[in-house]
């Protein structure tokens, strides 16, 4: 019965991992895709603007 106790943790982890991957795949696209894309675009624009803005005290 040692082999059963040795196999249970990897099997449980595999089941959770498959569930996680399925959840990620199912959540791609759909009605929230435009909202998520807009949020990412806004964050990238803020990061780019902060990188290009002159810092106070610099010459």
N, C-alpha and C. Protein backbone atom coordinates (compact mmCIF):
# COMPACT_ATOMS: atom_id res chain seq x y z
N UNK A 1 0.82 -1.21 0.00
CA UNK A 1 0.00 0.00 0.00
C UNK A 1 0.85 1.26 0.00
N UNK A 2 2.17 1.10 0.13
CA UNK A 2 3.03 2.28 0.08
C UNK A 2 2.97 2.96 -1.27
N UNK A 3 2.78 2.18 -2.33
CA UNK A 3 2.73 2.79 -3.67
C UNK A 3 1.51 3.69 -3.81
N UNK A 4 0.41 3.38 -3.15
CA UNK A 4 -0.78 4.24 -3.22
C UNK A 4 -0.49 5.57 -2.56
N UNK A 5 0.11 5.54 -1.37
CA UNK A 5 0.41 6.80 -0.67
C UNK A 5 1.49 7.59 -1.42
N UNK A 6 2.33 6.91 -2.19
CA UNK A 6 3.35 7.62 -2.97
C UNK A 6 2.75 8.27 -4.21
N UNK A 7 1.68 7.69 -4.75
CA UNK A 7 1.09 8.22 -5.98
C UNK A 7 0.02 9.28 -5.74
N UNK A 8 -0.57 9.33 -4.56
CA UNK A 8 -1.67 10.25 -4.31
C UNK A 8 -1.26 11.71 -4.47
N UNK A 9 -0.17 12.20 -3.86
CA UNK A 9 0.16 13.63 -4.02
C UNK A 9 0.36 14.06 -5.47
N UNK A 10 1.12 13.32 -6.31
CA UNK A 10 1.27 13.76 -7.69
C UNK A 10 -0.05 13.74 -8.47
N UNK A 11 -0.89 12.77 -8.17
CA UNK A 11 -2.17 12.70 -8.88
C UNK A 11 -3.05 13.88 -8.49
N UNK A 12 -3.08 14.22 -7.21
CA UNK A 12 -3.87 15.36 -6.75
C UNK A 12 -3.34 16.65 -7.36
N UNK A 13 -2.01 16.81 -7.39
CA UNK A 13 -1.43 18.02 -7.98
C UNK A 13 -1.74 18.09 -9.48
N UNK A 14 -1.70 16.97 -10.17
CA UNK A 14 -2.01 16.94 -11.60
C UNK A 14 -3.46 17.34 -11.84
N UNK A 15 -4.37 16.86 -11.02
CA UNK A 15 -5.78 17.21 -11.19
C UNK A 15 -5.98 18.72 -10.98
N UNK A 16 -5.37 19.28 -9.94
CA UNK A 16 -5.50 20.72 -9.71
C UNK A 16 -4.86 21.52 -10.84
N UNK A 17 -3.71 21.05 -11.34
CA UNK A 17 -3.04 21.77 -12.43
C UNK A 17 -3.89 21.76 -13.70
N UNK A 18 -4.48 20.62 -14.01
CA UNK A 18 -5.36 20.54 -15.19
C UNK A 18 -6.55 21.46 -15.02
N UNK A 19 -7.12 21.51 -13.81
CA UNK A 19 -8.23 22.42 -13.55
C UNK A 19 -7.81 23.88 -13.71
N UNK A 20 -6.62 24.22 -13.24
CA UNK A 20 -6.12 25.59 -13.39
C UNK A 20 -5.95 25.96 -14.85
N UNK A 21 -5.35 25.07 -15.63
CA UNK A 21 -5.15 25.33 -17.06
C UNK A 21 -6.48 25.49 -17.77
N UNK A 22 -7.44 24.63 -17.45
CA UNK A 22 -8.77 24.73 -18.09
C UNK A 22 -9.44 26.05 -17.73
N UNK A 23 -9.32 26.49 -16.47
CA UNK A 23 -9.90 27.76 -16.05
C UNK A 23 -9.26 28.92 -16.80
N UNK A 24 -7.94 28.89 -16.94
CA UNK A 24 -7.24 29.96 -17.66
C UNK A 24 -7.69 30.00 -19.11
N UNK A 25 -7.77 28.84 -19.74
CA UNK A 25 -8.17 28.79 -21.15
C UNK A 25 -9.60 29.27 -21.33
N UNK A 26 -10.49 28.86 -20.44
CA UNK A 26 -11.89 29.27 -20.56
C UNK A 26 -12.08 30.75 -20.31
N UNK A 27 -11.22 31.36 -19.50
CA UNK A 27 -11.39 32.78 -19.17
C UNK A 27 -10.80 33.69 -20.25
N UNK A 28 -10.12 33.14 -21.23
CA UNK A 28 -9.57 33.95 -22.31
C UNK A 28 -10.70 34.36 -23.25
N UNK A 29 -10.65 35.59 -23.68
CA UNK A 29 -11.68 36.07 -24.61
C UNK A 29 -12.98 36.33 -23.89
N UNK A 30 -14.06 36.23 -24.61
CA UNK A 30 -15.37 36.43 -24.02
C UNK A 30 -15.70 37.90 -23.84
N UNK A 31 -16.73 38.21 -23.08
CA UNK A 31 -17.20 39.59 -22.95
C UNK A 31 -16.22 40.49 -22.20
N UNK A 32 -15.35 39.93 -21.38
CA UNK A 32 -14.43 40.77 -20.61
C UNK A 32 -13.12 41.04 -21.34
N UNK A 33 -12.94 40.46 -22.52
CA UNK A 33 -11.66 40.60 -23.23
C UNK A 33 -11.35 42.05 -23.54
N UNK A 34 -12.31 42.81 -24.03
CA UNK A 34 -12.06 44.21 -24.37
C UNK A 34 -11.69 45.01 -23.12
N UNK A 35 -12.37 44.73 -22.02
CA UNK A 35 -12.08 45.45 -20.78
C UNK A 35 -10.67 45.11 -20.26
N UNK A 36 -10.31 43.83 -20.34
CA UNK A 36 -8.98 43.42 -19.90
C UNK A 36 -7.90 44.00 -20.80
N UNK A 37 -8.14 43.99 -22.12
CA UNK A 37 -7.17 44.56 -23.05
C UNK A 37 -7.00 46.06 -22.81
N UNK A 38 -8.09 46.76 -22.54
CA UNK A 38 -8.01 48.20 -22.27
C UNK A 38 -7.22 48.46 -21.00
N UNK A 39 -7.39 47.64 -19.98
CA UNK A 39 -6.65 47.82 -18.73
C UNK A 39 -5.16 47.59 -18.95
N UNK A 40 -4.81 46.59 -19.73
CA UNK A 40 -3.40 46.33 -20.02
C UNK A 40 -2.80 47.47 -20.85
N UNK A 41 -3.53 47.94 -21.85
CA UNK A 41 -3.05 49.05 -22.67
C UNK A 41 -2.84 50.30 -21.83
N UNK A 42 -3.75 50.58 -20.90
CA UNK A 42 -3.61 51.76 -20.04
C UNK A 42 -2.40 51.62 -19.13
N UNK A 43 -2.17 50.43 -18.59
CA UNK A 43 -1.01 50.22 -17.72
C UNK A 43 0.29 50.37 -18.50
N UNK A 44 0.33 49.84 -19.72
CA UNK A 44 1.52 49.99 -20.55
C UNK A 44 1.77 51.45 -20.91
N UNK A 45 0.70 52.19 -21.21
CA UNK A 45 0.84 53.61 -21.54
C UNK A 45 1.37 54.40 -20.34
N UNK A 46 0.88 54.07 -19.14
CA UNK A 46 1.37 54.77 -17.94
C UNK A 46 2.84 54.45 -17.71
N UNK A 47 3.23 53.22 -17.90
CA UNK A 47 4.63 52.83 -17.71
C UNK A 47 5.53 53.53 -18.72
N UNK A 48 5.08 53.60 -19.95
CA UNK A 48 5.87 54.27 -21.00
C UNK A 48 5.98 55.77 -20.72
N UNK A 49 4.89 56.38 -20.28
CA UNK A 49 4.91 57.82 -19.98
C UNK A 49 5.82 58.10 -18.79
N UNK A 50 5.81 57.24 -17.81
CA UNK A 50 6.67 57.44 -16.64
C UNK A 50 8.14 57.28 -17.02
N UNK A 51 8.42 56.38 -17.96
CA UNK A 51 9.80 56.17 -18.38
C UNK A 51 10.32 57.37 -19.16
N UNK A 52 9.46 58.01 -19.96
CA UNK A 52 9.89 59.11 -20.81
C UNK A 52 9.83 60.47 -20.13
N UNK A 53 9.11 60.58 -19.03
CA UNK A 53 8.98 61.87 -18.34
C UNK A 53 10.31 62.24 -17.69
N UNK A 54 10.69 63.51 -17.79
CA UNK A 54 11.94 63.93 -17.12
C UNK A 54 11.73 63.92 -15.60
N UNK A 55 12.76 63.51 -14.89
CA UNK A 55 12.68 63.44 -13.45
C UNK A 55 13.00 64.81 -12.87
N UNK A 56 12.32 65.22 -11.80
CA UNK A 56 12.64 66.51 -11.18
C UNK A 56 14.05 66.52 -10.65
N UNK A 57 14.73 67.62 -10.88
CA UNK A 57 16.10 67.75 -10.40
C UNK A 57 17.15 67.30 -11.41
N UNK A 58 16.72 66.68 -12.51
CA UNK A 58 17.68 66.28 -13.52
C UNK A 58 17.85 67.41 -14.52
N UNK A 59 19.03 67.47 -15.10
CA UNK A 59 19.33 68.56 -16.04
C UNK A 59 19.19 68.09 -17.45
